[in-house]
Each structure stands twice: as structure tokens, then as C-alpha cells.
N, C-alpha and C. Protein backbone atom coordinates (compact mmCIF):
# COMPACT_ATOMS: atom_id res chain seq x y z
N MET A 1 -8.89 -3.12 24.13
CA MET A 1 -8.33 -1.82 23.91
C MET A 1 -9.12 -0.80 24.70
N ASN A 2 -8.49 0.28 25.15
CA ASN A 2 -9.13 1.30 25.96
C ASN A 2 -10.20 2.05 25.19
N ALA A 3 -11.13 2.68 25.92
CA ALA A 3 -12.16 3.50 25.29
C ALA A 3 -11.53 4.67 24.56
N HIS A 4 -10.45 5.20 25.07
CA HIS A 4 -9.70 6.27 24.41
C HIS A 4 -8.24 5.84 24.38
N ALA A 5 -7.83 5.29 23.28
CA ALA A 5 -6.49 4.74 23.17
C ALA A 5 -5.46 5.84 22.94
N THR A 6 -4.25 5.56 23.34
CA THR A 6 -3.11 6.41 23.01
C THR A 6 -2.09 5.51 22.33
N LEU A 7 -1.14 6.13 21.66
CA LEU A 7 -0.13 5.36 20.96
C LEU A 7 0.59 4.41 21.92
N GLU A 8 0.79 4.84 23.15
CA GLU A 8 1.48 4.01 24.13
C GLU A 8 0.65 2.80 24.54
N SER A 9 -0.69 2.91 24.43
CA SER A 9 -1.54 1.80 24.85
C SER A 9 -1.85 0.81 23.74
N VAL A 10 -1.41 1.11 22.52
CA VAL A 10 -1.70 0.23 21.39
C VAL A 10 -0.76 -0.97 21.44
N ASP A 11 -1.33 -2.16 21.38
CA ASP A 11 -0.49 -3.36 21.41
C ASP A 11 0.10 -3.63 20.03
N SER A 12 1.33 -4.09 20.04
CA SER A 12 2.02 -4.45 18.81
C SER A 12 1.90 -5.96 18.66
N ARG A 13 1.36 -6.38 17.54
CA ARG A 13 1.21 -7.81 17.33
C ARG A 13 1.28 -8.13 15.84
N THR A 14 1.64 -9.35 15.55
CA THR A 14 1.65 -9.81 14.17
C THR A 14 0.23 -10.22 13.79
N LEU A 15 -0.25 -9.66 12.68
CA LEU A 15 -1.57 -10.04 12.19
C LEU A 15 -1.52 -11.48 11.72
N ASN A 16 -2.63 -12.21 11.88
CA ASN A 16 -2.64 -13.62 11.50
C ASN A 16 -3.87 -13.93 10.64
N SER A 17 -4.09 -15.18 10.35
CA SER A 17 -5.16 -15.59 9.45
C SER A 17 -6.56 -15.32 10.01
N HIS A 18 -6.65 -15.02 11.29
CA HIS A 18 -7.95 -14.68 11.88
C HIS A 18 -8.31 -13.21 11.65
N ASP A 19 -7.31 -12.39 11.29
CA ASP A 19 -7.53 -10.97 11.02
C ASP A 19 -7.91 -10.83 9.54
N ARG A 20 -9.12 -10.33 9.29
CA ARG A 20 -9.65 -10.28 7.93
C ARG A 20 -9.88 -8.85 7.48
N CYS A 21 -9.69 -8.59 6.19
CA CYS A 21 -9.93 -7.29 5.59
C CYS A 21 -11.39 -6.90 5.78
N ASP A 22 -11.63 -5.69 6.26
CA ASP A 22 -12.98 -5.21 6.48
C ASP A 22 -13.72 -4.95 5.17
N VAL A 23 -13.00 -4.89 4.06
CA VAL A 23 -13.63 -4.62 2.77
C VAL A 23 -14.00 -5.90 2.04
N CYS A 24 -13.04 -6.83 1.93
CA CYS A 24 -13.26 -8.00 1.08
C CYS A 24 -13.19 -9.34 1.80
N GLY A 25 -12.72 -9.36 3.05
CA GLY A 25 -12.65 -10.60 3.80
C GLY A 25 -11.37 -11.40 3.63
N SER A 26 -10.45 -10.94 2.79
CA SER A 26 -9.16 -11.61 2.65
C SER A 26 -8.32 -11.41 3.91
N GLN A 27 -7.22 -12.13 4.01
CA GLN A 27 -6.37 -11.96 5.19
C GLN A 27 -5.84 -10.54 5.26
N ALA A 28 -5.91 -9.95 6.43
CA ALA A 28 -5.45 -8.58 6.64
C ALA A 28 -3.95 -8.55 6.89
N TYR A 29 -3.30 -7.57 6.27
CA TYR A 29 -1.88 -7.32 6.50
C TYR A 29 -1.63 -5.88 6.92
N ILE A 30 -2.71 -5.09 7.04
CA ILE A 30 -2.61 -3.70 7.46
C ILE A 30 -3.68 -3.45 8.52
N ARG A 31 -3.27 -2.78 9.60
CA ARG A 31 -4.18 -2.46 10.70
C ARG A 31 -4.08 -0.97 10.99
N ALA A 32 -5.22 -0.29 10.99
CA ALA A 32 -5.29 1.12 11.38
C ALA A 32 -5.97 1.19 12.74
N VAL A 33 -5.31 1.84 13.69
CA VAL A 33 -5.85 1.95 15.04
C VAL A 33 -6.39 3.37 15.23
N LEU A 34 -7.64 3.45 15.70
CA LEU A 34 -8.34 4.72 15.89
C LEU A 34 -8.26 5.16 17.35
N PRO A 35 -8.41 6.46 17.63
CA PRO A 35 -8.35 6.94 19.01
C PRO A 35 -9.41 6.32 19.91
N SER A 36 -10.53 5.91 19.35
CA SER A 36 -11.59 5.28 20.16
C SER A 36 -11.20 3.89 20.63
N GLY A 37 -10.10 3.38 20.09
CA GLY A 37 -9.67 2.03 20.41
C GLY A 37 -10.08 1.04 19.34
N GLY A 38 -10.90 1.48 18.40
CA GLY A 38 -11.31 0.62 17.30
C GLY A 38 -10.18 0.38 16.32
N GLU A 39 -10.34 -0.66 15.54
CA GLU A 39 -9.33 -1.02 14.55
C GLU A 39 -10.01 -1.26 13.21
N LEU A 40 -9.31 -0.89 12.15
CA LEU A 40 -9.72 -1.21 10.79
C LEU A 40 -8.66 -2.14 10.22
N PHE A 41 -9.10 -3.19 9.51
CA PHE A 41 -8.18 -4.16 8.94
C PHE A 41 -8.32 -4.15 7.42
N PHE A 42 -7.18 -4.25 6.72
CA PHE A 42 -7.18 -4.24 5.27
C PHE A 42 -6.20 -5.27 4.72
N CYS A 43 -6.57 -5.85 3.57
CA CYS A 43 -5.60 -6.64 2.80
C CYS A 43 -4.64 -5.63 2.17
N GLY A 44 -3.60 -6.09 1.53
CA GLY A 44 -2.64 -5.19 0.90
C GLY A 44 -3.29 -4.29 -0.14
N HIS A 45 -4.13 -4.85 -0.97
CA HIS A 45 -4.79 -4.10 -2.04
C HIS A 45 -5.66 -2.97 -1.49
N HIS A 46 -6.54 -3.27 -0.57
CA HIS A 46 -7.44 -2.25 -0.03
C HIS A 46 -6.71 -1.28 0.90
N GLY A 47 -5.69 -1.74 1.58
CA GLY A 47 -4.89 -0.84 2.41
C GLY A 47 -4.23 0.23 1.56
N ARG A 48 -3.62 -0.17 0.45
CA ARG A 48 -3.00 0.81 -0.45
C ARG A 48 -4.05 1.75 -1.05
N ALA A 49 -5.23 1.21 -1.35
CA ALA A 49 -6.29 2.03 -1.96
C ALA A 49 -6.80 3.11 -1.00
N HIS A 50 -6.79 2.84 0.31
CA HIS A 50 -7.35 3.77 1.29
C HIS A 50 -6.31 4.47 2.15
N GLU A 51 -5.04 4.11 1.99
CA GLU A 51 -3.99 4.62 2.88
C GLU A 51 -3.89 6.14 2.90
N GLU A 52 -3.82 6.76 1.76
CA GLU A 52 -3.63 8.22 1.72
C GLU A 52 -4.76 8.95 2.43
N LYS A 53 -5.99 8.56 2.15
CA LYS A 53 -7.14 9.22 2.77
C LYS A 53 -7.15 9.00 4.28
N LEU A 54 -6.93 7.76 4.71
CA LEU A 54 -6.98 7.46 6.14
C LEU A 54 -5.84 8.13 6.90
N LYS A 55 -4.64 8.14 6.32
CA LYS A 55 -3.53 8.77 7.01
C LYS A 55 -3.71 10.28 7.09
N GLY A 56 -4.51 10.85 6.17
CA GLY A 56 -4.78 12.27 6.19
C GLY A 56 -5.78 12.68 7.26
N LEU A 57 -6.52 11.73 7.78
CA LEU A 57 -7.48 12.01 8.83
C LEU A 57 -6.76 12.19 10.15
N GLU A 58 -7.18 13.19 10.89
CA GLU A 58 -6.61 13.31 12.24
C GLU A 58 -7.19 12.19 13.08
N GLY A 59 -6.36 11.56 13.84
CA GLY A 59 -6.88 10.56 14.74
C GLY A 59 -6.43 9.14 14.48
N ILE A 60 -5.82 8.87 13.33
CA ILE A 60 -5.26 7.53 13.14
C ILE A 60 -4.02 7.45 14.02
N LEU A 61 -4.07 6.62 15.04
CA LEU A 61 -2.94 6.51 15.97
C LEU A 61 -1.80 5.69 15.39
N LEU A 62 -2.15 4.67 14.62
CA LEU A 62 -1.14 3.76 14.12
C LEU A 62 -1.58 3.20 12.78
N TRP A 63 -0.66 3.20 11.82
CA TRP A 63 -0.86 2.53 10.54
C TRP A 63 0.16 1.39 10.54
N ASP A 64 -0.30 0.21 10.88
CA ASP A 64 0.57 -0.96 11.04
C ASP A 64 0.56 -1.78 9.76
N ASP A 65 1.54 -1.52 8.89
CA ASP A 65 1.63 -2.16 7.58
C ASP A 65 2.57 -3.35 7.65
N GLN A 66 2.01 -4.55 7.56
CA GLN A 66 2.80 -5.78 7.61
C GLN A 66 2.85 -6.47 6.25
N THR A 67 2.62 -5.70 5.17
CA THR A 67 2.62 -6.29 3.83
C THR A 67 3.99 -6.82 3.42
N SER A 68 5.05 -6.41 4.11
CA SER A 68 6.38 -6.93 3.78
C SER A 68 6.44 -8.44 3.98
N ARG A 69 5.53 -8.97 4.76
CA ARG A 69 5.47 -10.42 4.98
C ARG A 69 4.98 -11.15 3.73
N LEU A 70 4.40 -10.43 2.79
CA LEU A 70 3.87 -11.06 1.57
C LEU A 70 4.95 -11.38 0.55
N GLY A 71 6.11 -10.78 0.64
CA GLY A 71 7.12 -10.97 -0.38
C GLY A 71 6.93 -9.95 -1.49
N ARG A 72 7.29 -10.31 -2.70
CA ARG A 72 7.24 -9.36 -3.81
C ARG A 72 5.83 -9.08 -4.31
N GLU A 73 4.95 -10.05 -4.29
CA GLU A 73 3.61 -9.87 -4.83
C GLU A 73 2.58 -9.83 -3.71
N SER A 74 1.64 -8.89 -3.81
CA SER A 74 0.54 -8.84 -2.86
C SER A 74 -0.49 -9.88 -3.25
N ARG A 75 -0.85 -10.72 -2.29
CA ARG A 75 -1.87 -11.74 -2.53
C ARG A 75 -3.10 -11.43 -1.70
N GLY A 76 -3.35 -10.13 -1.46
CA GLY A 76 -4.40 -9.72 -0.54
C GLY A 76 -5.79 -10.17 -0.94
N CYS A 77 -6.21 -9.86 -2.16
CA CYS A 77 -7.57 -10.23 -2.58
C CYS A 77 -7.62 -10.27 -4.09
N ASP A 78 -8.64 -10.89 -4.59
CA ASP A 78 -8.87 -10.99 -6.01
C ASP A 78 -9.70 -9.79 -6.43
N ILE A 79 -9.09 -8.82 -7.11
CA ILE A 79 -9.82 -7.59 -7.47
C ILE A 79 -10.77 -7.80 -8.64
N ARG A 80 -10.86 -9.00 -9.18
CA ARG A 80 -11.77 -9.29 -10.27
C ARG A 80 -13.18 -9.59 -9.78
N GLN A 81 -13.38 -9.51 -8.46
CA GLN A 81 -14.68 -9.83 -7.87
C GLN A 81 -15.77 -8.92 -8.40
């Protein structure tokens, strides 16, 4: 990814089992792309927990929510940890 990404330069891809939540390590289904080109990855649970705050920040280029792939129930992480 570029040092200064733009929405046009962000690649669209399906997240897979190698993409892990930055909070708990479960499989990521949400990707937030930053202007620096960095990415944050979240499971469904942590993505929903942080979505409002992150979307309110200026600079989130893309909120790529692929939780629809989970079906009716989110299996992102075990919150009993």
C-alpha cells in the first residue's frame, strides 16, 4: 500500500483466515484502511465495538465490513476471555 493512500488506491479483497483481529486474534471480517496506508483488522465483535469511534475519526478511507459472510450469528471471538 502507498505511503499516502487514497480511496482509489485501496485494493478490494476478500479477507481470509490469514487476516486476524488486532484485538483478540480471531479471524478478521472488518478492515479499516488509514490514509497512511496502514490497516486495522477486527473480528465482528470488536469491529462493532469500535466502529462508531473509528468512523468518527477523520482519515478512515475505507470501512470494509465483510461480516455478512458470517451468516446470522457472529463467530468473531469468545468474549468470555
